[in-house]
N, C-alpha and C. Protein backbone atom coordinates (compact mmCIF):
# COMPACT_ATOMS: atom_id res chain seq x y z
N UNK A 1 0.95 -1.28 -0.18
CA UNK A 1 0.06 -0.11 -0.24
C UNK A 1 0.89 1.48 -0.17
N UNK A 2 0.41 2.16 -1.03
CA UNK A 2 1.62 3.38 -0.91
C UNK A 2 0.94 4.54 -0.12
N UNK A 3 1.60 5.40 0.18
CA UNK A 3 1.38 6.58 1.13
C UNK A 3 -0.24 7.33 0.59
N UNK A 4 -0.63 7.45 -0.70
CA UNK A 4 -1.51 8.16 -0.97
C UNK A 4 -2.65 7.29 -0.58
N UNK A 5 -2.47 5.74 -0.64
CA UNK A 5 -3.73 5.25 -0.32
C UNK A 5 -3.75 4.84 1.30
N UNK A 6 -2.80 5.20 2.20
CA UNK A 6 -2.72 4.80 3.59
C UNK A 6 -3.78 6.49 3.66
N UNK A 7 -3.25 7.49 3.14
CA UNK A 7 -3.74 8.67 3.73
C UNK A 7 -5.28 8.63 3.05
N UNK A 8 -5.84 8.04 2.13
CA UNK A 8 -7.13 8.18 1.76
C UNK A 8 -7.70 7.01 2.39
N UNK A 9 -7.58 6.09 3.03
CA UNK A 9 -7.88 5.05 4.20
C UNK A 9 -8.10 6.15 5.50
N UNK A 10 -7.18 6.55 6.18
CA UNK A 10 -7.08 7.25 7.03
C UNK A 10 -8.50 8.51 7.23
N UNK A 11 -8.61 9.14 5.93
CA UNK A 11 -9.45 10.14 5.74
C UNK A 11 -10.79 9.29 5.73
N UNK A 12 -11.14 8.22 5.12
CA UNK A 12 -12.34 7.58 5.45
C UNK A 12 -12.38 7.13 6.40
N UNK A 13 -11.71 6.87 7.54
CA UNK A 13 -11.70 6.26 8.88
C UNK A 13 -12.05 7.27 9.72
N UNK A 14 -11.60 8.54 9.43
CA UNK A 14 -11.98 9.69 10.60
C UNK A 14 -12.87 10.23 10.10
N UNK A 15 -13.78 10.10 8.74
CA UNK A 15 -15.01 10.99 8.77
C UNK A 15 -14.64 12.51 8.70
N UNK A 16 -16.04 12.96 9.65
CA UNK A 16 -15.78 14.53 9.74
C UNK A 16 -14.96 14.75 10.65
N UNK A 17 -14.21 14.07 11.27
CA UNK A 17 -13.06 14.74 12.47
C UNK A 17 -12.24 14.81 11.64
N UNK A 18 -11.71 14.34 10.45
CA UNK A 18 -10.59 14.37 9.56
C UNK A 18 -9.04 13.92 10.34
N UNK A 19 -8.14 14.56 9.59
CA UNK A 19 -7.06 14.09 9.93
C UNK A 19 -5.92 15.34 10.13
N UNK A 20 -4.70 15.30 10.65
CA UNK A 20 -3.80 16.38 10.76
C UNK A 20 -2.20 15.63 10.11
N UNK A 21 -1.47 16.57 10.23
CA UNK A 21 -0.30 16.17 10.00
C UNK A 21 0.52 14.96 10.89
N UNK A 22 -0.10 15.44 12.52
CA UNK A 22 0.20 14.71 13.57
C UNK A 22 -0.28 13.20 13.14
N UNK A 23 -1.29 13.12 12.82
CA UNK A 23 -2.15 11.78 12.34
C UNK A 23 -1.30 11.03 11.24
N UNK A 24 -0.73 11.97 10.61
CA UNK A 24 0.03 11.15 9.11
C UNK A 24 1.47 10.58 9.80
N UNK A 25 2.22 11.38 10.79
CA UNK A 25 3.23 10.81 11.27
C UNK A 25 2.90 9.66 12.14
N UNK A 26 1.77 9.61 12.76
CA UNK A 26 1.78 8.05 13.36
C UNK A 26 1.60 7.00 12.22
N UNK A 27 1.48 7.16 11.01
CA UNK A 27 1.49 6.26 10.12
C UNK A 27 2.48 6.44 9.14
N UNK A 28 3.57 6.93 9.66
CA UNK A 28 5.01 7.28 8.69
C UNK A 28 4.78 7.81 7.44
N UNK A 29 3.69 8.75 7.54
CA UNK A 29 3.59 9.70 6.47
C UNK A 29 3.92 11.08 6.78
N UNK A 30 5.10 11.76 6.37
CA UNK A 30 5.84 12.61 6.67
C UNK A 30 5.52 13.93 6.08
N UNK A 31 4.76 13.72 4.90
CA UNK A 31 4.72 14.87 4.12
C UNK A 31 3.10 14.93 3.66
N UNK A 32 2.27 15.03 4.94
CA UNK A 32 0.66 14.80 4.61
C UNK A 32 0.32 15.84 3.59
N UNK A 33 0.86 16.83 3.49
CA UNK A 33 0.38 17.99 2.74
C UNK A 33 0.42 17.79 1.11
N UNK A 34 1.61 16.95 1.00
CA UNK A 34 1.98 16.55 -0.27
C UNK A 34 1.05 15.34 -1.14
N UNK A 35 0.55 14.66 0.11
CA UNK A 35 -0.29 13.32 -0.44
C UNK A 35 -1.76 13.96 -0.51
N UNK A 36 -1.91 14.99 0.36
CA UNK A 36 -3.26 15.36 0.07
C UNK A 36 -3.71 16.01 -1.38
N UNK A 37 -2.24 16.76 -1.50
CA UNK A 37 -2.37 17.35 -2.95
C UNK A 37 -2.54 16.59 -4.17
N UNK A 38 -1.90 15.22 -3.83
CA UNK A 38 -1.75 14.17 -4.84
C UNK A 38 -3.32 13.66 -5.13
N UNK A 39 -3.90 13.57 -3.86
CA UNK A 39 -5.27 13.01 -3.95
C UNK A 39 -6.25 13.76 -4.46
N UNK A 40 -6.10 15.28 -4.40
CA UNK A 40 -7.01 16.28 -5.08
C UNK A 40 -6.74 16.24 -6.31
N UNK A 41 -5.52 16.02 -6.82
CA UNK A 41 -5.23 15.96 -8.33
C UNK A 41 -6.09 14.69 -9.01
N UNK A 42 -5.90 13.64 -8.19
CA UNK A 42 -6.99 12.36 -8.66
C UNK A 42 -8.29 12.90 -8.68
N UNK A 43 -8.79 13.85 -7.77
CA UNK A 43 -10.14 13.99 -8.10
C UNK A 43 -11.07 13.79 -6.61
N UNK A 44 -10.35 13.83 -5.49
CA UNK A 44 -10.98 13.45 -4.05
C UNK A 44 -11.28 14.91 -3.90
N UNK A 45 -12.34 15.33 -3.49
CA UNK A 45 -12.57 16.40 -2.65
C UNK A 45 -12.44 16.67 -1.33
N UNK A 46 -11.14 17.12 -0.89
CA UNK A 46 -10.81 17.03 0.33
C UNK A 46 -10.58 18.65 0.92
N UNK A 47 -11.29 18.80 1.87
CA UNK A 47 -11.40 20.13 2.41
C UNK A 47 -10.32 20.50 3.39
N UNK A 48 -9.64 21.66 3.43
CA UNK A 48 -8.84 22.16 4.67
C UNK A 48 -9.35 23.03 5.37
N UNK A 49 -8.99 22.96 6.86
CA UNK A 49 -9.67 23.58 7.99
C UNK A 49 -8.45 24.03 8.68
N UNK A 50 -8.50 25.39 8.69
CA UNK A 50 -7.14 25.79 9.67
C UNK A 50 -7.66 26.02 11.30
N UNK A 51 -6.71 25.44 11.95
CA UNK A 51 -7.11 25.60 13.44
C UNK A 51 -6.18 26.15 13.93
N UNK A 52 -6.34 26.73 15.22
CA UNK A 52 -5.09 27.59 16.02
C UNK A 52 -4.84 26.75 17.03
N UNK A 53 -3.84 27.04 17.58
CA UNK A 53 -2.97 26.29 18.49
C UNK A 53 -2.15 27.18 19.17
N UNK A 54 -1.71 26.71 20.41
CA UNK A 54 -0.46 27.17 21.21
C UNK A 54 0.84 26.85 20.97
N UNK A 55 1.90 27.16 21.12
CA UNK A 55 3.08 26.65 20.87
C UNK A 55 3.82 26.65 22.26
N UNK A 56 4.88 25.80 22.33
CA UNK A 56 5.60 25.64 23.46
C UNK A 56 6.44 26.91 24.17
N UNK A 57 6.38 28.06 23.17
CA UNK A 57 6.92 29.41 23.83
C UNK A 57 5.68 30.55 24.18
N UNK A 58 4.43 29.87 23.93
CA UNK A 58 3.50 30.75 24.11
C UNK A 58 2.49 31.39 23.12
N UNK A 59 3.33 31.29 22.03
CA UNK A 59 3.01 32.12 20.70
C UNK A 59 1.83 31.26 20.10
N UNK A 60 0.99 31.92 19.33
CA UNK A 60 -0.22 31.33 18.75
C UNK A 60 0.17 30.82 17.35
N UNK A 61 -0.07 29.54 16.83
CA UNK A 61 0.43 28.76 15.62
C UNK A 61 -0.91 28.28 14.85
N UNK A 62 -0.75 27.70 13.76
CA UNK A 62 -2.06 27.12 13.33
C UNK A 62 -1.44 25.81 12.53
N UNK A 63 -2.34 24.84 12.40
CA UNK A 63 -2.27 23.66 11.53
C UNK A 63 -3.60 23.47 10.91
N UNK A 64 -3.11 22.73 9.97
CA UNK A 64 -4.47 22.09 9.08
C UNK A 64 -4.86 20.87 9.29
N UNK A 65 -6.23 20.75 9.21
CA UNK A 65 -7.13 19.44 9.48
C UNK A 65 -7.55 19.26 7.88
N UNK A 66 -7.28 18.32 7.41
CA UNK A 66 -8.18 17.48 6.23
C UNK A 66 -9.27 16.63 6.18
N UNK A 67 -10.42 17.16 5.55
CA UNK A 67 -11.54 16.47 5.68
C UNK A 67 -12.12 15.83 4.36
N UNK A 68 -12.26 14.66 3.98
CA UNK A 68 -12.61 14.11 2.94
C UNK A 68 -13.99 14.17 2.90
N UNK A 69 -14.77 15.03 1.69
CA UNK A 69 -16.00 15.32 1.47
C UNK A 69 -16.82 14.37 0.80
N UNK A 70 -17.06 13.21 0.93
CA UNK A 70 -17.50 11.91 -0.02
C UNK A 70 -19.17 12.15 0.68
């Protein structure tokens, strides 16, 4: 199974909760954004949700959550 297939399976399993880069790392997918791009190019409708979070230094940050819209 290649990484695109792994990510697609993760997206389907996650449903509306979606997945983040941290979820990808748990499955040894180190460039989740690139895999999402590949899947979009293949026609999969994937929505990006920007989420805010704190950082260890106390500064604000953002990460992306990806949701498959099937």
